[in-house]
């Protein structure tokens, strides 16, 4: 392989753990009713629904944040400005809870040590995803950020894989691999684009259960 691309959230960074902590802090801040587990379950359901619409190009990245706030709080008429302001309360707590998975740093280092061109291919926003890498100690010289908000398309849209490979010095799909935890975005979509893919399923059931198992 010439090029190794890593997904970020759920692959290098524990997004679920940080989001759980973030929404519980958010709920406490606004004194929202409900048991903690029900609040978390509802938040993830709303997040998945609207982020999927963003991935399909139906709403903007900022737009999905607005709609998540409106639906979660039961205020469909909330203005975009107010929704984005409220969302910042969640983001502050989410940021405080960012952690890299224990196998993330060594996986990046092994990929570089084997002479690969290495990138992070994510459906998140560029500034936030770069901030995650910096705060969790995963930033590396030469590590290329490939974020949907810059690429003009999100996984699993075919254009996103083509744009990511173009940013990686016009890499050949057949000599590139994407490693990630999302079966649709990181595996099926990549393979349809002619890339290799490694399905990371930490509970077991994927190609690997840890990044330590990946050979570069």
Protein backbone atom coordinates (compact mmCIF):
# COMPACT_ATOMS: atom_id res chain seq x y z
CA UNK A 1 0.00 0.00 0.00
CA UNK A 2 1.16 3.51 -0.81
CA UNK A 3 -1.51 5.31 1.19
CA UNK A 4 -3.11 4.52 4.55
CA UNK A 5 -6.23 6.46 5.52
CA UNK A 6 -7.77 6.29 8.97
CA UNK A 7 -11.30 7.24 9.91
CA UNK A 8 -11.25 9.44 13.02
CA UNK A 9 -14.37 9.18 15.21
CA UNK A 10 -14.78 5.65 16.51
CA UNK A 11 -11.46 4.59 15.00
CA UNK A 12 -8.73 6.82 16.44
CA UNK A 13 -10.90 8.84 18.84
CA UNK A 14 -13.54 7.54 21.25
CA UNK A 15 -16.39 9.65 19.90
CA UNK A 16 -19.13 7.66 21.65
CA UNK A 17 -17.56 8.08 25.07
CA UNK A 18 -17.02 11.80 24.58
CA UNK A 19 -20.52 12.32 23.17
CA UNK A 20 -22.07 10.47 26.09
CA UNK A 21 -20.24 12.69 28.59
CA UNK A 22 -21.09 15.75 26.53
CA UNK A 23 -24.82 15.16 26.35
CA UNK A 24 -25.11 14.32 30.06
CA UNK A 25 -23.38 17.61 30.88
CA UNK A 26 -25.64 19.36 28.34
CA UNK A 27 -28.74 17.82 29.94
CA UNK A 28 -27.64 18.87 33.42
CA UNK A 29 -26.92 22.42 32.20
CA UNK A 30 -30.48 22.79 30.87
CA UNK A 31 -32.04 20.67 33.63
CA UNK A 32 -33.59 18.29 31.11
CA UNK A 33 -35.89 15.57 32.49
CA UNK A 34 -35.27 11.86 32.04
CA UNK A 35 -33.00 9.07 33.17
CA UNK A 36 -29.39 9.40 32.00
CA UNK A 37 -29.52 6.30 29.80
CA UNK A 38 -32.70 7.48 28.09
CA UNK A 39 -31.15 10.91 27.47
CA UNK A 40 -28.07 9.30 25.93
CA UNK A 41 -30.13 6.89 23.82
CA UNK A 42 -32.28 9.71 22.48
CA UNK A 43 -29.27 11.92 21.74
CA UNK A 44 -27.53 9.23 19.70
CA UNK A 45 -30.73 8.46 17.78
CA UNK A 46 -31.13 12.13 16.84
CA UNK A 47 -27.42 12.45 16.02
CA UNK A 48 -27.48 9.43 13.72
CA UNK A 49 -30.63 10.58 11.92
CA UNK A 50 -29.33 14.07 11.12
CA UNK A 51 -25.69 13.19 10.54
CA UNK A 52 -26.81 10.58 8.01
CA UNK A 53 -28.71 13.32 6.18
CA UNK A 54 -25.51 15.38 6.14
CA UNK A 55 -23.54 12.41 4.78
CA UNK A 56 -26.09 12.09 1.99
CA UNK A 57 -25.78 15.76 1.12
CA UNK A 58 -29.29 16.66 2.30
CA UNK A 59 -28.21 19.26 4.90
CA UNK A 60 -25.04 21.20 5.61
CA UNK A 61 -22.72 20.33 8.49
CA UNK A 62 -23.98 23.36 10.43
CA UNK A 63 -27.53 22.52 9.42
CA UNK A 64 -27.43 19.09 11.00
CA UNK A 65 -26.31 20.68 14.27
CA UNK A 66 -29.28 23.05 14.13
CA UNK A 67 -31.76 20.25 13.45
CA UNK A 68 -30.31 18.04 16.18
CA UNK A 69 -30.85 20.80 18.73
CA UNK A 70 -34.38 21.50 17.51
CA UNK A 71 -35.41 17.84 17.63
CA UNK A 72 -33.64 16.91 20.86
CA UNK A 73 -35.07 19.87 22.75
CA UNK A 74 -38.50 19.60 21.11
CA UNK A 75 -38.34 23.13 19.74
CA UNK A 76 -38.83 22.88 15.96
CA UNK A 77 -39.26 26.65 15.57
CA UNK A 78 -35.98 27.53 17.27
CA UNK A 79 -33.92 29.94 15.16
CA UNK A 80 -30.68 28.76 13.60
CA UNK A 81 -28.73 31.32 15.62
CA UNK A 82 -30.18 30.17 18.93
CA UNK A 83 -29.75 26.50 18.06
CA UNK A 84 -26.07 26.96 17.19
CA UNK A 85 -25.50 28.93 20.40
CA UNK A 86 -27.12 26.18 22.46
CA UNK A 87 -25.11 23.54 20.60
CA UNK A 88 -21.93 25.19 21.85
CA UNK A 89 -22.84 24.08 25.39
CA UNK A 90 -22.74 20.47 24.22
CA UNK A 91 -19.56 21.02 22.20
CA UNK A 92 -17.69 22.44 25.18
CA UNK A 93 -18.41 19.34 27.26
CA UNK A 94 -17.75 17.05 24.28
CA UNK A 95 -14.33 18.63 23.75
CA UNK A 96 -13.37 18.17 27.40
CA UNK A 97 -14.00 14.45 27.05
CA UNK A 98 -11.96 13.69 23.92
CA UNK A 99 -9.66 10.70 24.28
CA UNK A 100 -7.67 8.70 21.78
CA UNK A 101 -8.03 4.95 21.81
CA UNK A 102 -4.94 3.28 23.35
CA UNK A 103 -3.90 1.74 20.01
CA UNK A 104 -4.28 4.93 17.92
CA UNK A 105 -0.90 6.63 18.32
CA UNK A 106 1.12 3.47 17.70
CA UNK A 107 -0.93 2.68 14.58
CA UNK A 108 -0.17 6.09 13.09
CA UNK A 109 3.51 5.75 13.96
CA UNK A 110 3.77 2.28 12.41
CA UNK A 111 2.14 3.47 9.20
CA UNK A 112 4.65 6.32 8.91
CA UNK A 113 7.58 4.08 9.88
CA UNK A 114 6.70 1.78 6.97
CA UNK A 115 6.94 4.66 4.53
CA UNK A 116 3.22 5.12 3.88
CA UNK A 117 1.52 8.38 3.08
CA UNK A 118 -0.97 8.76 5.92
CA UNK A 119 -4.21 10.68 6.19
CA UNK A 120 -7.28 11.04 8.39
CA UNK A 121 -10.45 10.71 6.29
CA UNK A 122 -13.42 12.01 8.26
CA UNK A 123 -16.96 13.26 7.84
CA UNK A 124 -16.38 15.87 10.51
CA UNK A 125 -15.48 19.55 10.17
CA UNK A 126 -11.83 20.41 9.50
CA UNK A 127 -11.16 22.71 12.45
CA UNK A 128 -12.75 20.42 15.02
CA UNK A 129 -11.06 17.30 13.68
CA UNK A 130 -7.64 18.97 13.68
CA UNK A 131 -8.34 20.11 17.23
CA UNK A 132 -9.12 16.51 18.23
CA UNK A 133 -5.79 15.32 16.89
CA UNK A 134 -3.91 18.08 18.69
CA UNK A 135 -5.66 17.67 22.04
CA UNK A 136 -5.30 13.90 22.10
CA UNK A 137 -1.66 13.82 21.05
CA UNK A 138 -2.32 12.30 17.63
CA UNK A 139 -1.06 15.15 15.44
CA UNK A 140 1.92 14.08 13.37
CA UNK A 141 4.12 15.87 10.82
CA UNK A 142 2.91 14.81 7.40
CA UNK A 143 -0.49 13.58 8.60
CA UNK A 144 -3.04 14.89 6.09
CA UNK A 145 -6.49 15.97 7.24
CA UNK A 146 -9.18 14.94 4.74
CA UNK A 147 -12.42 16.35 6.13
CA UNK A 148 -15.78 16.32 4.38
CA UNK A 149 -16.27 20.06 4.82
CA UNK A 150 -13.15 20.63 2.68
CA UNK A 151 -13.57 17.74 0.26
CA UNK A 152 -17.03 18.88 -0.80
CA UNK A 153 -18.62 15.49 -0.13
CA UNK A 154 -18.92 13.07 2.76
CA UNK A 155 -18.50 9.31 2.94
CA UNK A 156 -20.17 7.26 1.47
CA UNK A 157 -20.67 9.63 -1.49
CA UNK A 158 -18.38 8.38 -4.30
CA UNK A 159 -16.98 11.88 -4.83
CA UNK A 160 -15.55 11.92 -1.30
CA UNK A 161 -13.18 8.98 -1.92
CA UNK A 162 -12.00 10.45 -5.22
CA UNK A 163 -11.37 13.82 -3.59
CA UNK A 164 -9.49 12.23 -0.68
CA UNK A 165 -7.19 10.27 -3.00
CA UNK A 166 -6.56 13.41 -5.07
CA UNK A 167 -5.42 15.21 -1.90
CA UNK A 168 -3.05 12.31 -1.18
CA UNK A 169 -0.88 13.20 -4.18
CA UNK A 170 -3.31 11.63 -6.66
CA UNK A 171 -2.93 8.21 -5.07
CA UNK A 172 -4.17 5.12 -6.88
CA UNK A 173 -7.27 3.63 -5.28
CA UNK A 174 -5.90 0.11 -5.73
CA UNK A 175 -2.82 1.00 -3.69
CA UNK A 176 -4.70 2.74 -0.88
CA UNK A 177 -6.47 1.40 2.21
CA UNK A 178 -9.11 2.93 4.48
CA UNK A 179 -9.34 1.71 8.08
CA UNK A 180 -12.52 2.50 9.97
CA UNK A 181 -15.36 1.42 12.21
CA UNK A 182 -18.31 2.25 9.94
CA UNK A 183 -19.19 -0.69 7.71
CA UNK A 184 -21.00 1.48 5.18
CA UNK A 185 -18.78 4.56 5.07
CA UNK A 186 -15.35 3.11 5.69
CA UNK A 187 -15.62 -0.35 4.16
CA UNK A 188 -18.35 -0.75 1.54
CA UNK A 189 -17.96 2.77 0.19
CA UNK A 190 -14.19 2.48 -0.01
CA UNK A 191 -14.33 -0.87 -1.78
CA UNK A 192 -16.85 0.45 -4.30
CA UNK A 193 -14.35 3.22 -5.00
CA UNK A 194 -11.67 0.62 -5.75
CA UNK A 195 -9.81 0.99 -2.47
CA UNK A 196 -8.86 -1.66 0.05
CA UNK A 197 -10.63 -1.44 3.41
CA UNK A 198 -10.17 -2.81 6.92
CA UNK A 199 -13.27 -3.02 9.10
CA UNK A 200 -12.43 -2.18 12.72
CA UNK A 201 -15.05 -3.56 15.11
CA UNK A 202 -13.74 -3.22 18.65
CA UNK A 203 -16.36 -5.55 20.20
CA UNK A 204 -15.32 -8.21 17.64
CA UNK A 205 -16.89 -9.34 14.39
CA UNK A 206 -14.96 -7.16 11.95
CA UNK A 207 -11.68 -7.69 10.14
CA UNK A 208 -9.83 -6.59 13.27
CA UNK A 209 -10.80 -5.73 16.86
CA UNK A 210 -7.80 -3.45 17.44
CA UNK A 211 -5.55 -1.24 15.35
CA UNK A 212 -2.68 -3.28 16.79
CA UNK A 213 -3.77 -6.09 14.46
CA UNK A 214 -3.38 -4.02 11.29
CA UNK A 215 -0.26 -4.58 9.23
CA UNK A 216 1.16 -1.73 7.20
